[in-house]
Amino acid sequence: MRQFKVFKHPDGALESIRPGWSWTAFGLGCFWALALKMWGVGLAGLASLVLAGLLVPLELVGALIFSGVLLLIHLVFGLLGNRWHMQHLLDSGYRHADTVTAADAERAMALAARYRGWQEAEDDALSPR
């Protein structure tokens, strides 16, 4: 069981995010941010990749330096990605509605909806698997 922060938009849409490390953001980096329409973060990450590629010479030592820079960029995305995503939701009109402990993001939203009385959560979504 993990802790999730559940966000609710005024139109009723729910999103849940697990605070802390994001493997998806670590693996996909700036492309993850662009897919979530976090344009500033995504374009900054992409620009840093392009800049690193242009500044590092194309030789063995340069390739090692570029690999280190690439790893560093992805570590930053992994460490800060979920925090950026939560801030993006807040900036998009969502509000932090609840923090719940659940097995996954879907169940977290179902639990928050049930506890807050937003909608009737399906029993199947809450049953252990």
N, C-alpha and C. Protein backbone atom coordinates (compact mmCIF):
# COMPACT_ATOMS: atom_id res chain seq x y z
N MET A 1 0.84 -1.18 0.00
CA MET A 1 0.00 0.00 0.00
C MET A 1 0.89 1.24 0.00
N ARG A 2 0.47 2.21 -0.80
CA ARG A 2 1.23 3.45 -0.93
C ARG A 2 0.33 4.64 -0.67
N GLN A 3 0.96 5.75 -0.37
CA GLN A 3 0.20 6.97 -0.15
C GLN A 3 0.07 7.73 -1.47
N PHE A 4 -1.13 8.23 -1.74
CA PHE A 4 -1.40 9.00 -2.95
C PHE A 4 -2.07 10.30 -2.56
N LYS A 5 -1.75 11.35 -3.30
CA LYS A 5 -2.46 12.62 -3.17
C LYS A 5 -3.48 12.66 -4.29
N VAL A 6 -4.72 12.95 -3.91
CA VAL A 6 -5.81 12.99 -4.88
C VAL A 6 -6.18 14.45 -5.12
N PHE A 7 -6.28 14.81 -6.39
CA PHE A 7 -6.62 16.17 -6.79
C PHE A 7 -7.94 16.14 -7.52
N LYS A 8 -8.75 17.17 -7.28
CA LYS A 8 -10.07 17.24 -7.92
C LYS A 8 -10.20 18.56 -8.66
N HIS A 9 -10.67 18.46 -9.90
CA HIS A 9 -10.92 19.64 -10.73
C HIS A 9 -12.36 20.09 -10.50
N PRO A 10 -12.66 21.37 -10.66
CA PRO A 10 -14.05 21.83 -10.48
C PRO A 10 -15.06 21.10 -11.36
N ASP A 11 -14.62 20.57 -12.51
CA ASP A 11 -15.55 19.83 -13.36
C ASP A 11 -15.76 18.39 -12.90
N GLY A 12 -15.10 18.00 -11.79
CA GLY A 12 -15.28 16.67 -11.21
C GLY A 12 -14.18 15.68 -11.55
N ALA A 13 -13.28 16.03 -12.46
CA ALA A 13 -12.20 15.11 -12.83
C ALA A 13 -11.26 14.89 -11.64
N LEU A 14 -10.80 13.65 -11.49
CA LEU A 14 -9.88 13.30 -10.42
C LEU A 14 -8.54 12.86 -10.99
N GLU A 15 -7.48 13.20 -10.29
CA GLU A 15 -6.13 12.74 -10.62
C GLU A 15 -5.48 12.32 -9.31
N SER A 16 -4.66 11.29 -9.35
CA SER A 16 -3.92 10.91 -8.15
C SER A 16 -2.45 10.76 -8.50
N ILE A 17 -1.62 11.19 -7.57
CA ILE A 17 -0.18 11.16 -7.77
C ILE A 17 0.47 10.64 -6.50
N ARG A 18 1.42 9.74 -6.68
CA ARG A 18 2.17 9.23 -5.53
C ARG A 18 3.38 10.14 -5.34
N PRO A 19 3.48 10.81 -4.19
CA PRO A 19 4.62 11.70 -3.96
C PRO A 19 5.94 10.93 -3.96
N GLY A 20 6.98 11.62 -4.33
CA GLY A 20 8.30 11.01 -4.31
C GLY A 20 8.81 10.67 -5.70
N TRP A 21 9.64 9.67 -5.76
CA TRP A 21 10.32 9.26 -6.98
C TRP A 21 9.33 8.84 -8.07
N SER A 22 9.62 9.23 -9.31
CA SER A 22 8.80 8.83 -10.45
C SER A 22 9.67 8.08 -11.46
N TRP A 23 9.42 6.78 -11.58
CA TRP A 23 10.17 5.99 -12.55
C TRP A 23 9.83 6.40 -13.98
N THR A 24 8.59 6.77 -14.21
CA THR A 24 8.19 7.18 -15.56
C THR A 24 8.92 8.46 -15.96
N ALA A 25 8.96 9.43 -15.05
CA ALA A 25 9.66 10.69 -15.34
C ALA A 25 11.16 10.43 -15.50
N PHE A 26 11.72 9.53 -14.70
CA PHE A 26 13.13 9.20 -14.81
C PHE A 26 13.43 8.58 -16.18
N GLY A 27 12.60 7.65 -16.60
CA GLY A 27 12.86 6.94 -17.85
C GLY A 27 12.61 7.77 -19.09
N LEU A 28 11.57 8.59 -19.07
CA LEU A 28 11.19 9.33 -20.27
C LEU A 28 11.62 10.79 -20.25
N GLY A 29 11.97 11.31 -19.09
CA GLY A 29 12.49 12.67 -18.98
C GLY A 29 11.57 13.72 -19.56
N CYS A 30 12.13 14.55 -20.42
CA CYS A 30 11.37 15.68 -20.96
C CYS A 30 10.17 15.22 -21.79
N PHE A 31 10.23 14.04 -22.37
CA PHE A 31 9.11 13.56 -23.17
C PHE A 31 7.91 13.21 -22.28
N TRP A 32 8.18 12.77 -21.06
CA TRP A 32 7.12 12.54 -20.07
C TRP A 32 6.42 13.86 -19.76
N ALA A 33 7.21 14.91 -19.53
CA ALA A 33 6.64 16.22 -19.20
C ALA A 33 5.82 16.76 -20.37
N LEU A 34 6.33 16.61 -21.58
CA LEU A 34 5.59 17.09 -22.75
C LEU A 34 4.28 16.32 -22.94
N ALA A 35 4.29 15.02 -22.66
CA ALA A 35 3.07 14.22 -22.79
C ALA A 35 2.01 14.67 -21.79
N LEU A 36 2.43 15.19 -20.63
CA LEU A 36 1.49 15.68 -19.62
C LEU A 36 1.17 17.16 -19.81
N LYS A 37 1.62 17.72 -20.91
CA LYS A 37 1.39 19.13 -21.26
C LYS A 37 2.01 20.10 -20.25
N MET A 38 3.12 19.67 -19.67
CA MET A 38 3.90 20.55 -18.81
C MET A 38 4.97 21.17 -19.70
N TRP A 39 4.54 22.14 -20.50
CA TRP A 39 5.37 22.67 -21.57
C TRP A 39 6.67 23.28 -21.08
N GLY A 40 6.63 24.06 -20.03
CA GLY A 40 7.85 24.71 -19.53
C GLY A 40 8.90 23.71 -19.11
N VAL A 41 8.51 22.74 -18.31
CA VAL A 41 9.44 21.72 -17.82
C VAL A 41 9.94 20.87 -18.99
N GLY A 42 9.03 20.47 -19.86
CA GLY A 42 9.41 19.62 -20.99
C GLY A 42 10.36 20.30 -21.95
N LEU A 43 10.06 21.55 -22.28
CA LEU A 43 10.93 22.27 -23.21
C LEU A 43 12.28 22.61 -22.57
N ALA A 44 12.28 22.90 -21.26
CA ALA A 44 13.55 23.15 -20.57
C ALA A 44 14.41 21.89 -20.57
N GLY A 45 13.79 20.74 -20.33
CA GLY A 45 14.54 19.48 -20.37
C GLY A 45 15.07 19.18 -21.76
N LEU A 46 14.24 19.41 -22.76
CA LEU A 46 14.67 19.18 -24.14
C LEU A 46 15.80 20.13 -24.52
N ALA A 47 15.67 21.39 -24.12
CA ALA A 47 16.73 22.37 -24.41
C ALA A 47 18.04 21.99 -23.72
N SER A 48 17.95 21.47 -22.50
CA SER A 48 19.17 21.07 -21.80
C SER A 48 19.84 19.88 -22.49
N LEU A 49 19.04 18.98 -23.04
CA LEU A 49 19.61 17.85 -23.80
C LEU A 49 20.30 18.34 -25.06
N VAL A 50 19.64 19.24 -25.78
CA VAL A 50 20.22 19.77 -27.02
C VAL A 50 21.49 20.56 -26.71
N LEU A 51 21.44 21.39 -25.68
CA LEU A 51 22.60 22.18 -25.30
C LEU A 51 23.77 21.29 -24.89
N ALA A 52 23.49 20.27 -24.11
CA ALA A 52 24.56 19.34 -23.71
C ALA A 52 25.14 18.65 -24.93
N GLY A 53 24.29 18.28 -25.87
CA GLY A 53 24.77 17.63 -27.09
C GLY A 53 25.64 18.54 -27.94
N LEU A 54 25.32 19.83 -27.94
CA LEU A 54 26.09 20.78 -28.74
C LEU A 54 27.41 21.17 -28.07
N LEU A 55 27.42 21.20 -26.75
CA LEU A 55 28.61 21.66 -26.03
C LEU A 55 29.66 20.58 -25.80
N VAL A 56 29.24 19.34 -25.79
CA VAL A 56 30.17 18.25 -25.49
C VAL A 56 30.78 17.75 -26.80
N PRO A 57 32.11 17.69 -26.88
CA PRO A 57 32.76 17.21 -28.11
C PRO A 57 32.46 15.74 -28.38
N LEU A 58 32.50 15.38 -29.65
CA LEU A 58 32.18 14.01 -30.06
C LEU A 58 33.43 13.12 -30.05
N GLU A 59 33.89 12.81 -28.89
CA GLU A 59 34.99 11.87 -28.72
C GLU A 59 34.67 11.03 -27.51
N LEU A 60 35.51 10.08 -27.19
CA LEU A 60 35.19 9.15 -26.11
C LEU A 60 34.93 9.86 -24.78
N VAL A 61 35.80 10.77 -24.41
CA VAL A 61 35.62 11.50 -23.15
C VAL A 61 34.34 12.33 -23.21
N GLY A 62 34.09 12.95 -24.36
CA GLY A 62 32.87 13.74 -24.54
C GLY A 62 31.63 12.89 -24.42
N ALA A 63 31.68 11.68 -24.97
CA ALA A 63 30.54 10.77 -24.88
C ALA A 63 30.28 10.38 -23.43
N LEU A 64 31.33 10.17 -22.67
CA LEU A 64 31.17 9.85 -21.25
C LEU A 64 30.58 11.03 -20.48
N ILE A 65 31.05 12.22 -20.80
CA ILE A 65 30.52 13.42 -20.15
C ILE A 65 29.05 13.59 -20.51
N PHE A 66 28.72 13.42 -21.79
CA PHE A 66 27.33 13.55 -22.22
C PHE A 66 26.45 12.52 -21.52
N SER A 67 26.94 11.30 -21.38
CA SER A 67 26.18 10.26 -20.68
C SER A 67 25.93 10.65 -19.23
N GLY A 68 26.94 11.24 -18.60
CA GLY A 68 26.78 11.70 -17.22
C GLY A 68 25.76 12.82 -17.11
N VAL A 69 25.81 13.76 -18.05
CA VAL A 69 24.84 14.86 -18.06
C VAL A 69 23.43 14.32 -18.30
N LEU A 70 23.31 13.39 -19.22
CA LEU A 70 22.01 12.77 -19.51
C LEU A 70 21.45 12.06 -18.28
N LEU A 71 22.30 11.32 -17.59
CA LEU A 71 21.87 10.64 -16.37
C LEU A 71 21.45 11.66 -15.31
N LEU A 72 22.20 12.73 -15.17
CA LEU A 72 21.86 13.77 -14.20
C LEU A 72 20.50 14.40 -14.51
N ILE A 73 20.25 14.70 -15.78
CA ILE A 73 18.96 15.28 -16.18
C ILE A 73 17.83 14.32 -15.84
N HIS A 74 18.01 13.05 -16.14
CA HIS A 74 16.96 12.07 -15.85
C HIS A 74 16.78 11.86 -14.34
N LEU A 75 17.85 11.94 -13.57
CA LEU A 75 17.72 11.86 -12.11
C LEU A 75 16.89 13.03 -11.57
N VAL A 76 17.12 14.22 -12.12
CA VAL A 76 16.34 15.39 -11.69
C VAL A 76 14.86 15.17 -12.02
N PHE A 77 14.57 14.66 -13.21
CA PHE A 77 13.18 14.38 -13.57
C PHE A 77 12.58 13.34 -12.64
N GLY A 78 13.32 12.29 -12.32
CA GLY A 78 12.81 11.26 -11.42
C GLY A 78 12.53 11.79 -10.03
N LEU A 79 13.44 12.64 -9.53
CA LEU A 79 13.28 13.19 -8.18
C LEU A 79 12.19 14.24 -8.08
N LEU A 80 12.07 15.09 -9.09
CA LEU A 80 11.16 16.23 -9.01
C LEU A 80 9.91 16.09 -9.87
N GLY A 81 9.84 15.04 -10.68
CA GLY A 81 8.74 14.90 -11.63
C GLY A 81 7.36 14.93 -11.01
N ASN A 82 7.15 14.16 -9.96
CA ASN A 82 5.82 14.14 -9.34
C ASN A 82 5.49 15.47 -8.68
N ARG A 83 6.50 16.13 -8.13
CA ARG A 83 6.27 17.46 -7.54
C ARG A 83 5.85 18.45 -8.63
N TRP A 84 6.53 18.40 -9.78
CA TRP A 84 6.16 19.27 -10.91
C TRP A 84 4.75 18.95 -11.39
N HIS A 85 4.42 17.66 -11.44
CA HIS A 85 3.10 17.25 -11.90
C HIS A 85 2.01 17.77 -10.95
N MET A 86 2.25 17.66 -9.64
CA MET A 86 1.27 18.18 -8.67
C MET A 86 1.09 19.68 -8.83
N GLN A 87 2.19 20.40 -9.01
CA GLN A 87 2.09 21.85 -9.19
C GLN A 87 1.35 22.19 -10.48
N HIS A 88 1.58 21.42 -11.52
CA HIS A 88 0.89 21.62 -12.79
C HIS A 88 -0.62 21.43 -12.61
N LEU A 89 -1.02 20.42 -11.85
CA LEU A 89 -2.44 20.21 -11.60
C LEU A 89 -3.04 21.40 -10.84
N LEU A 90 -2.33 21.88 -9.82
CA LEU A 90 -2.82 23.03 -9.06
C LEU A 90 -2.94 24.26 -9.97
N ASP A 91 -1.96 24.46 -10.83
CA ASP A 91 -2.00 25.59 -11.76
C ASP A 91 -3.11 25.45 -12.80
N SER A 92 -3.56 24.21 -13.03
CA SER A 92 -4.61 23.94 -14.02
C SER A 92 -6.01 23.97 -13.41
N GLY A 93 -6.12 24.37 -12.16
CA GLY A 93 -7.43 24.49 -11.54
C GLY A 93 -7.81 23.37 -10.60
N TYR A 94 -6.99 22.34 -10.52
CA TYR A 94 -7.25 21.26 -9.57
C TYR A 94 -6.95 21.76 -8.16
N ARG A 95 -7.53 21.09 -7.18
CA ARG A 95 -7.17 21.38 -5.80
C ARG A 95 -6.85 20.06 -5.11
N HIS A 96 -5.93 20.13 -4.14
CA HIS A 96 -5.59 18.92 -3.39
C HIS A 96 -6.79 18.60 -2.52
N ALA A 97 -7.42 17.47 -2.78
CA ALA A 97 -8.66 17.13 -2.11
C ALA A 97 -8.49 16.12 -0.99
N ASP A 98 -7.52 15.22 -1.12
CA ASP A 98 -7.38 14.17 -0.12
C ASP A 98 -6.03 13.48 -0.27
N THR A 99 -5.60 12.84 0.78
CA THR A 99 -4.43 11.97 0.75
C THR A 99 -4.89 10.63 1.29
N VAL A 100 -4.72 9.58 0.49
CA VAL A 100 -5.20 8.26 0.87
C VAL A 100 -4.10 7.22 0.68
N THR A 101 -4.27 6.11 1.36
CA THR A 101 -3.37 4.97 1.20
C THR A 101 -4.11 3.91 0.40
N ALA A 102 -3.50 3.51 -0.70
CA ALA A 102 -4.14 2.54 -1.59
C ALA A 102 -3.07 1.74 -2.33
N ALA A 103 -3.52 0.69 -3.00
CA ALA A 103 -2.59 -0.17 -3.74
C ALA A 103 -2.12 0.48 -5.04
N ASP A 104 -2.99 1.28 -5.67
CA ASP A 104 -2.62 1.93 -6.92
C ASP A 104 -3.41 3.22 -7.08
N ALA A 105 -3.11 3.95 -8.14
CA ALA A 105 -3.71 5.27 -8.36
C ALA A 105 -5.22 5.19 -8.56
N GLU A 106 -5.68 4.19 -9.29
CA GLU A 106 -7.13 4.04 -9.53
C GLU A 106 -7.89 3.82 -8.23
N ARG A 107 -7.37 2.95 -7.40
CA ARG A 107 -8.03 2.69 -6.12
C ARG A 107 -7.97 3.90 -5.21
N ALA A 108 -6.89 4.67 -5.30
CA ALA A 108 -6.78 5.89 -4.50
C ALA A 108 -7.90 6.86 -4.85
N MET A 109 -8.16 7.03 -6.15
CA MET A 109 -9.23 7.93 -6.57
C MET A 109 -10.60 7.39 -6.14
N ALA A 110 -10.78 6.08 -6.24
CA ALA A 110 -12.05 5.48 -5.84
C ALA A 110 -12.28 5.64 -4.34
N LEU A 111 -11.24 5.43 -3.55
CA LEU A 111 -11.36 5.61 -2.10
C LEU A 111 -11.67 7.05 -1.73
N ALA A 112 -10.96 7.98 -2.35
CA ALA A 112 -11.20 9.40 -2.07
C ALA A 112 -12.62 9.78 -2.44
N ALA A 113 -13.09 9.29 -3.58
CA ALA A 113 -14.46 9.59 -4.02
C ALA A 113 -15.47 9.03 -3.03
N ARG A 114 -15.23 7.83 -2.55
CA ARG A 114 -16.17 7.22 -1.61
C ARG A 114 -16.16 7.95 -0.27
N TYR A 115 -14.96 8.22 0.25
CA TYR A 115 -14.86 8.88 1.56
C TYR A 115 -15.40 10.30 1.53
N ARG A 116 -15.20 10.97 0.43
CA ARG A 116 -15.66 12.36 0.31
C ARG A 116 -17.10 12.47 -0.17
N GLY A 117 -17.68 11.35 -0.60
CA GLY A 117 -19.06 11.36 -1.06
C GLY A 117 -19.24 11.99 -2.43
N TRP A 118 -18.17 12.01 -3.24
CA TRP A 118 -18.28 12.61 -4.56
C TRP A 118 -19.10 11.75 -5.49
N GLN A 119 -18.95 10.44 -5.35
CA GLN A 119 -19.69 9.50 -6.19
C GLN A 119 -19.62 8.15 -5.50
N GLU A 120 -20.47 7.27 -5.92
CA GLU A 120 -20.43 5.92 -5.37
C GLU A 120 -19.30 5.16 -6.05
N ALA A 121 -18.34 4.72 -5.27
CA ALA A 121 -17.24 3.94 -5.82
C ALA A 121 -17.71 2.50 -6.00
N GLU A 122 -17.27 1.90 -7.07
CA GLU A 122 -17.65 0.52 -7.33
C GLU A 122 -16.93 -0.40 -6.35
N ASP A 123 -17.64 -1.40 -5.87
CA ASP A 123 -17.05 -2.34 -4.93
C ASP A 123 -15.86 -3.06 -5.55
N ASP A 124 -15.91 -3.31 -6.85
CA ASP A 124 -14.82 -4.01 -7.52
C ASP A 124 -13.52 -3.21 -7.46
N ALA A 125 -13.62 -1.89 -7.55
CA ALA A 125 -12.43 -1.06 -7.53
C ALA A 125 -11.77 -1.06 -6.16
N LEU A 126 -12.54 -1.34 -5.12
CA LEU A 126 -12.01 -1.30 -3.77
C LEU A 126 -11.63 -2.66 -3.22
N SER A 127 -12.04 -3.72 -3.89
CA SER A 127 -11.74 -5.05 -3.37
C SER A 127 -10.28 -5.40 -3.61
N PRO A 128 -9.66 -6.10 -2.67
CA PRO A 128 -8.24 -6.46 -2.85
C PRO A 128 -8.08 -7.45 -3.99
N ARG A 129 -6.96 -7.31 -4.68
CA ARG A 129 -6.68 -8.22 -5.82
C ARG A 129 -5.50 -9.07 -5.51
